[in-house]
Protein backbone atom coordinates (compact mmCIF):
# COMPACT_ATOMS: atom_id res chain seq x y z
CA MET A 1 68.76 125.99 100.08
CA ASN A 2 71.23 126.57 103.09
CA LEU A 3 74.63 124.96 102.63
CA ASN A 4 76.75 124.63 105.68
CA ILE A 5 80.21 124.00 104.42
CA VAL A 6 83.57 123.57 106.52
CA CYS A 7 86.84 124.37 104.56
CA ILE A 8 90.20 123.01 105.04
CA PRO A 9 92.66 125.27 103.23
CA GLY A 10 95.36 123.11 104.40
CA ASP A 11 99.04 123.61 103.37
CA GLY A 12 101.10 124.63 100.31
CA ILE A 13 98.75 125.89 97.29
CA GLY A 14 95.61 124.69 99.30
CA PRO A 15 94.59 128.21 100.53
CA GLU A 16 94.86 129.51 97.03
CA ILE A 17 92.89 126.91 95.30
CA VAL A 18 90.11 126.72 98.03
CA ALA A 19 89.65 130.54 97.64
CA GLU A 20 88.91 130.21 94.02
CA ALA A 21 86.51 127.21 94.60
CA LYS A 22 84.65 129.40 97.21
CA LYS A 23 84.51 132.35 94.48
CA VAL A 24 82.67 130.01 92.12
CA LEU A 25 80.47 128.56 94.84
CA ASP A 26 79.46 132.09 96.06
CA LYS A 27 78.52 132.95 92.21
CA VAL A 28 76.32 129.78 91.93
CA ALA A 29 74.63 130.70 95.25
CA LYS A 30 73.89 134.29 93.99
CA LYS A 31 72.57 133.06 90.65
CA TYR A 32 70.36 129.98 91.95
CA SER A 33 69.41 131.79 95.34
CA HIS A 34 71.10 129.79 97.83
CA ASN A 35 72.90 130.73 101.10
CA ILE A 36 76.34 129.36 101.99
CA SER A 37 77.91 129.55 105.34
CA TYR A 38 81.70 128.71 105.46
CA LYS A 39 83.77 127.82 108.53
CA ASP A 40 87.41 127.15 108.19
CA ILE A 41 89.38 124.45 110.43
CA LEU A 42 93.08 123.43 110.46
CA MET A 43 94.46 120.30 109.42
CA GLY A 44 97.95 118.98 108.36
CA GLY A 45 101.01 121.24 108.82
CA ALA A 46 98.95 124.24 109.43
CA SER A 47 97.44 122.34 112.48
CA ILE A 48 100.81 121.16 113.52
CA ASP A 49 102.24 124.76 113.75
CA ALA A 50 99.17 125.95 115.46
CA CYS A 51 98.03 123.23 117.70
CA GLY A 52 101.06 120.78 117.87
CA GLU A 53 99.03 117.92 115.94
CA PRO A 54 97.74 117.29 112.47
CA LEU A 55 93.99 117.37 113.36
CA THR A 56 92.29 118.30 116.68
CA ASP A 57 89.28 116.73 118.11
CA GLU A 58 87.55 120.10 118.01
CA ALA A 59 88.30 120.34 114.16
CA ILE A 60 86.62 116.98 113.75
CA ALA A 61 83.60 117.89 115.75
CA THR A 62 83.26 120.96 113.50
CA ALA A 63 83.52 118.97 110.45
CA LYS A 64 80.89 116.37 111.69
CA ALA A 65 78.43 119.37 112.34
CA ALA A 66 78.73 120.56 108.66
CA ASP A 67 76.80 119.43 105.55
CA ALA A 68 80.10 118.69 103.68
CA VAL A 69 83.83 119.51 103.80
CA LEU A 70 85.96 121.26 101.02
CA MET A 71 89.56 120.62 101.20
CA GLY A 72 92.56 122.15 99.47
CA SER A 73 95.78 120.17 100.21
CA ILE A 74 98.06 119.19 102.97
CA GLY A 75 101.72 118.38 103.57
CA GLY A 76 104.95 119.76 102.50
CA ASN A 77 108.32 118.78 101.16
CA THR A 78 108.93 115.32 102.79
CA SER A 79 112.79 115.80 102.57
CA THR A 80 113.05 119.40 103.86
CA SER A 81 109.84 120.04 106.00
CA PRO A 82 110.27 119.91 109.82
CA TRP A 83 106.76 118.18 109.82
CA TYR A 84 108.26 115.10 108.43
CA LYS A 85 110.78 114.79 111.26
CA LEU A 86 108.03 114.13 113.69
CA PRO A 87 106.70 110.61 114.52
CA PRO A 88 104.41 109.18 111.81
CA HIS A 89 101.24 109.75 113.77
CA LEU A 90 101.97 113.46 114.15
CA ARG A 91 102.76 114.14 110.38
CA PRO A 92 100.45 116.06 108.23
CA GLU A 93 98.99 113.11 106.40
CA ALA A 94 97.97 111.54 109.56
CA GLY A 95 95.35 114.24 110.00
CA LEU A 96 93.85 113.23 106.74
CA LEU A 97 93.65 109.47 107.62
CA LYS A 98 92.27 110.28 111.12
CA LEU A 99 89.37 112.54 109.48
CA ARG A 100 88.62 109.87 106.82
CA LYS A 101 88.32 107.18 109.73
CA GLU A 102 86.27 109.60 112.01
CA LEU A 103 83.83 110.52 109.35
CA ASN A 104 83.66 106.97 107.96
CA LEU A 105 84.48 108.14 104.39
CA PHE A 106 84.78 104.80 102.88
CA ALA A 107 84.01 105.64 99.23
CA ASN A 108 86.44 107.64 97.19
CA LEU A 109 85.29 108.71 93.74
CA ARG A 110 87.96 110.13 91.28
CA PRO A 111 86.67 110.88 87.85
CA ALA A 112 89.37 111.11 85.01
CA TYR A 113 88.00 112.80 81.99
CA LEU A 114 90.03 114.11 79.08
CA TYR A 115 88.67 117.43 77.73
CA LYS A 116 89.19 117.72 74.06
CA GLU A 117 90.75 120.97 74.40
CA LEU A 118 93.42 119.40 76.61
CA LYS A 119 94.46 116.49 74.22
CA GLU A 120 97.74 118.41 73.56
CA ALA A 121 98.54 118.19 77.23
CA CYS A 122 97.96 114.44 77.33
CA PRO A 123 101.26 112.51 77.22
CA LEU A 124 99.75 109.72 75.19
CA ARG A 125 99.94 109.40 71.50
CA ASP A 126 96.91 110.52 69.39
CA ASP A 127 96.10 107.08 68.22
CA ILE A 128 95.77 105.89 71.74
CA ILE A 129 93.79 108.96 72.88
CA GLY A 130 91.18 108.54 70.08
CA SER A 131 88.12 110.30 70.86
CA GLY A 132 89.01 110.65 74.53
CA PHE A 133 88.25 108.82 77.63
CA ASP A 134 85.82 109.15 80.62
CA MET A 135 86.32 106.97 83.71
CA MET A 136 85.56 106.92 87.46
CA ILE A 137 87.88 105.45 89.91
CA MET A 138 86.17 103.93 93.04
CA ARG A 139 88.83 103.58 95.77
CA GLU A 140 87.97 102.04 99.19
CA LEU A 141 89.23 104.52 101.60
CA THR A 142 89.04 103.35 105.18
CA GLY A 143 90.55 99.84 105.08
CA GLY A 144 93.50 97.99 103.71
CA LEU A 145 97.19 98.52 104.36
CA TYR A 146 96.85 102.09 105.15
CA PHE A 147 94.61 101.28 108.29
CA GLY A 148 96.16 98.08 109.36
CA ALA A 149 98.45 97.35 112.38
CA ARG A 150 101.89 98.28 111.88
CA SER A 151 105.22 98.05 113.86
CA THR A 152 108.91 98.50 113.39
CA LYS A 153 111.08 96.54 115.81
CA GLU A 154 114.17 94.40 115.99
CA VAL A 155 113.60 90.74 115.42
CA ASP A 156 116.55 88.48 116.06
CA GLY A 157 118.99 91.33 115.63
CA VAL A 158 117.26 92.59 112.44
CA VAL A 159 115.15 95.70 112.29
CA THR A 160 111.87 94.55 110.80
CA ALA A 161 108.91 96.63 109.63
CA VAL A 162 105.45 95.13 109.31
CA ASP A 163 102.22 96.62 107.73
CA THR A 164 99.05 94.60 107.74
CA LEU A 165 96.59 94.49 105.02
CA THR A 166 93.08 93.78 106.39
CA TYR A 167 89.70 93.66 104.72
CA THR A 168 86.35 92.32 105.95
CA GLU A 169 83.58 91.22 103.59
CA ASN A 170 81.37 93.99 104.83
CA GLU A 171 84.10 96.66 103.87
CA ILE A 172 84.35 95.24 100.30
CA ARG A 173 80.55 94.88 99.84
CA ARG A 174 79.69 98.39 100.63
CA ILE A 175 82.35 99.83 98.35
CA ALA A 176 81.31 97.42 95.68
CA VAL A 177 77.56 98.39 95.96
CA LYS A 178 78.65 102.10 95.55
CA GLY A 179 80.77 101.17 92.40
CA PHE A 180 77.85 99.21 90.74
CA ASP A 181 75.25 101.99 91.63
CA ILE A 182 77.51 104.64 89.88
CA ALA A 183 78.20 102.33 86.89
CA GLN A 184 74.34 101.84 86.49
CA LYS A 185 74.20 105.66 85.77
CA ARG A 186 77.29 105.75 83.44
CA ARG A 187 78.17 103.00 80.76
CA LYS A 188 77.45 99.93 82.89
CA LYS A 189 80.76 98.39 83.10
CA VAL A 190 82.82 97.61 86.30
CA THR A 191 86.56 96.80 86.17
CA SER A 192 87.51 95.26 89.62
CA VAL A 193 91.09 95.58 90.22
CA ASP A 194 92.86 93.29 92.58
CA LYS A 195 95.94 91.04 93.07
CA ALA A 196 94.07 87.84 93.44
CA ASN A 197 96.98 85.68 92.14
CA VAL A 198 99.04 86.48 95.30
CA LEU A 199 96.98 88.12 98.14
CA ASP A 200 94.24 86.49 100.17
CA SER A 201 92.73 89.96 100.74
CA SER A 202 92.29 90.25 96.90
CA ARG A 203 90.74 86.81 96.63
CA LEU A 204 88.16 87.78 99.07
CA TRP A 205 87.64 90.96 97.37
CA ARG A 206 87.05 89.21 94.12
CA THR A 207 84.56 86.71 95.80
CA VAL A 208 82.50 89.53 97.28
CA VAL A 209 82.51 91.70 94.16
CA GLU A 210 80.98 88.71 92.20
CA GLU A 211 78.37 88.34 94.78
CA VAL A 212 77.41 92.07 94.59
CA ALA A 213 77.36 91.76 90.81
CA ARG A 214 74.59 89.32 90.83
CA ASP A 215 72.25 92.30 91.90
CA TYR A 216 73.26 94.19 88.84
CA PRO A 217 72.54 92.06 85.82
CA GLU A 218 72.74 95.15 83.52
CA VAL A 219 76.29 95.71 84.52
CA THR A 220 79.12 94.03 82.95
CA LEU A 221 81.94 92.88 85.33
CA GLU A 222 85.48 92.15 84.58
CA HIS A 223 88.39 91.45 86.84
CA MET A 224 91.88 92.83 86.16
CA LEU A 225 95.22 92.44 88.04
CA VAL A 226 96.57 95.68 89.38
CA ASP A 227 99.79 95.55 87.43
CA ASN A 228 98.02 94.89 84.21
CA CYS A 229 95.56 97.75 85.08
CA ALA A 230 98.54 100.10 85.52
CA MET A 231 99.63 99.14 81.94
CA GLN A 232 96.21 99.27 80.36
CA LEU A 233 95.62 102.85 81.62
CA VAL A 234 98.39 104.08 79.39
CA LYS A 235 97.81 101.45 76.63
CA ASP A 236 94.04 101.94 76.19
CA PRO A 237 92.42 104.23 78.69
CA LYS A 238 89.09 104.62 76.74
CA GLN A 239 88.18 100.80 77.65
CA PHE A 240 87.44 101.79 81.31
CA ASP A 241 84.24 103.04 82.85
CA VAL A 242 84.21 102.33 86.58
CA ILE A 243 87.46 101.11 88.13
CA LEU A 244 86.71 99.52 91.47
CA THR A 245 89.64 98.76 93.93
CA GLU A 246 91.10 98.80 97.31
CA ASN A 247 92.72 101.56 99.15
CA MET A 248 96.50 101.14 98.02
CA PHE A 249 95.81 100.31 94.56
CA GLY A 250 93.26 103.04 94.04
CA ASP A 251 95.74 105.74 95.48
CA ILE A 252 98.40 104.62 92.84
CA LEU A 253 96.06 104.09 89.76
CA SER A 254 94.17 107.31 90.35
CA ASP A 255 97.34 109.50 90.30
CA GLU A 256 98.40 107.62 87.11
CA ALA A 257 94.93 108.36 85.70
CA SER A 258 95.23 111.99 86.50
CA MET A 259 98.45 112.39 84.42
CA VAL A 260 96.76 110.55 81.56
CA THR A 261 94.23 113.48 81.36
CA GLY A 262 97.05 115.96 81.12
CA SER A 263 97.47 117.29 84.64
CA ILE A 264 96.78 116.16 88.25
CA GLY A 265 95.47 119.74 88.52
CA MET A 266 92.36 118.61 86.62
CA LEU A 267 91.40 115.66 88.88
CA SER A 268 88.73 116.22 91.45
CA SER A 269 87.47 113.78 94.02
CA ALA A 270 84.78 112.96 96.61
CA SER A 271 84.83 110.88 99.65
CA LEU A 272 81.57 109.73 100.76
CA ASN A 273 79.98 107.84 103.84
CA ASP A 274 76.60 106.08 104.02
CA THR A 275 74.84 109.41 104.14
CA LYS A 276 74.82 112.53 101.97
CA PHE A 277 77.93 113.72 103.84
CA GLY A 278 81.26 114.07 101.90
CA LEU A 279 84.75 115.44 101.73
CA TYR A 280 85.68 116.89 98.48
CA GLU A 281 89.32 117.64 97.43
CA PRO A 282 91.48 117.98 94.41
CA SER A 283 93.60 114.72 93.93
CA GLY A 284 96.80 116.54 93.57
CA GLY A 285 99.28 117.42 96.42
CA SER A 286 100.13 120.66 98.15
CA ALA A 287 102.87 121.38 95.66
CA PRO A 288 105.09 123.47 98.11
CA ASP A 289 107.44 124.41 95.20
CA ILE A 290 104.67 126.61 93.65
CA ALA A 291 102.96 127.68 96.83
CA GLY A 292 102.28 131.47 96.91
CA LYS A 293 103.32 131.87 93.33
CA GLY A 294 99.71 132.31 91.95
CA ILE A 295 100.21 129.82 89.29
CA ALA A 296 98.64 126.63 90.82
CA ASN A 297 95.62 125.16 88.75
CA PRO A 298 92.31 125.62 90.71
CA ILE A 299 90.26 123.56 88.29
CA ALA A 300 90.31 120.24 90.26
CA THR A 301 89.05 122.11 93.41
CA ILE A 302 86.35 123.87 91.41
CA LEU A 303 85.29 120.62 89.84
CA SER A 304 85.47 119.08 93.40
CA ALA A 305 82.93 121.89 94.54
CA ALA A 306 80.66 120.82 91.66
CA MET A 307 80.87 117.27 92.98
CA MET A 308 79.89 118.45 96.34
CA LEU A 309 76.76 120.15 95.08
CA ARG A 310 75.76 117.07 93.13
CA TYR A 311 76.39 114.53 95.77
CA SER A 312 75.80 116.06 99.04
CA PHE A 313 73.09 118.63 98.06
CA ASP A 314 71.49 117.11 95.06
CA LEU A 315 72.03 120.34 93.05
CA ASP A 316 72.60 118.79 89.74
CA ARG A 317 71.83 121.83 87.79
CA GLU A 318 74.19 124.00 89.75
CA ALA A 319 76.90 121.35 89.40
CA ASP A 320 76.21 121.24 85.66
CA ALA A 321 76.64 124.91 85.50
CA ILE A 322 80.15 124.86 87.00
CA GLU A 323 81.29 122.07 84.86
CA ALA A 324 79.94 123.83 81.77
CA ALA A 325 81.77 127.09 82.88
CA VAL A 326 85.16 125.15 83.10
CA GLN A 327 84.43 123.64 79.72
CA LYS A 328 83.67 127.04 78.25
CA VAL A 329 86.96 128.54 79.77
CA LEU A 330 89.03 125.79 78.05
CA GLU A 331 87.32 126.23 74.92
CA GLU A 332 88.13 129.82 74.94
CA GLY A 333 91.87 129.01 75.24
CA TYR A 334 92.63 130.02 78.87
CA ARG A 335 95.23 127.71 80.46
CA THR A 336 97.20 127.56 83.78
CA ILE A 337 101.02 126.84 83.41
CA ASP A 338 100.46 122.98 84.16
CA ILE A 339 98.02 122.38 81.17
CA MET A 340 99.88 124.65 78.53
CA PRO A 341 100.89 122.72 75.40
CA GLN A 342 104.21 121.37 75.29
CA GLU A 343 105.07 122.62 71.71
CA ALA A 344 106.10 126.20 71.37
CA ASP A 345 104.13 126.64 68.17
CA LYS A 346 100.89 125.58 69.87
CA ARG A 347 101.21 127.98 72.76
CA ASP A 348 100.26 131.01 70.64
CA ARG A 349 96.77 129.65 70.28
CA VAL A 350 96.17 129.77 74.11
CA LYS A 351 96.37 132.37 76.86
CA GLN A 352 98.25 131.52 80.04
CA VAL A 353 96.60 132.76 83.25
CA GLY A 354 97.23 132.40 86.97
CA THR A 355 95.16 130.86 89.72
CA ALA A 356 92.99 133.90 90.55
CA VAL A 357 92.21 134.78 86.96
CA MET A 358 91.16 131.28 86.11
CA GLY A 359 88.90 131.44 89.25
CA ASP A 360 87.69 134.76 87.89
CA LEU A 361 87.00 133.33 84.45
CA ILE A 362 85.08 130.36 85.58
CA SER A 363 82.96 132.39 88.07
CA GLU A 364 82.14 134.92 85.27
CA ARG A 365 80.84 132.21 83.06
CA ILE A 366 78.26 130.61 85.75
């Protein structure tokens, strides 16, 4: 198969972790007789520096012409980077929001899985972790508060900021269908997260999700308020299968879930539209404080590449091979610094490696 992939290395640690994902993909292509062509585009701070804007129309056109997009990370230190002295529509994250909208990437899939080898890196107690957990957070990605009308102006002599949260029933229905479809292939449970006791948008969300649920009689649906869900993620994460929620709630809850796994460097993600096209990226940020030091964890990006093979190319065998290689490397005791055990006496059992070595180890085990 010919795989046409656009890469967005981005900012901070982005170029380092994308390089390792490409290394693993190249090994998969060689082993399973595929041809991969890569084309890089700029987005975020790198695009601001080179082009004066976070994402150009030319870059969007290049992304649209690809089969899938693999991204590293964008942005920098919000308190010191000159990018954040620019107007909001010219800052790095504006490029990502624009790309999601232009490519209609409305469904964000963020798996949160605890490897048994990383139980020591998990901040939760052993009695809470139990045998581990495996959840999929389904986040609606192109509606809600992040894309509503906004303004900051003086009203009656007082500076007033307004952000508008808007959802249509069609936007809710399409992400709900995706969520129930995935639940059908997992443990057949959907937890729909909202704030229906306060927000009209959440009341509509709950109504539409219940309508969709009628088409999936084998899937159990429960509703949970977002503040309770945030608590339950640290109280009993193994109760969750598919968490279905809107844009801002999903953004917050998925970052919380990532840390429950032991490190945000382990959390992959996929953003899909109505076709096989998708944008694949790690859930963590650009980590400018460690950029260029060769210590960033590339596993989330590598696992995002596995999701790309699975969802955009239907290459389940190849995706399984990457996931098995990651599992093997962890079983053998290799760790990047972010997933090293906290206790000094347990560190003797594992071997700390850098970004490139971790990529080499996973590639060698394909």
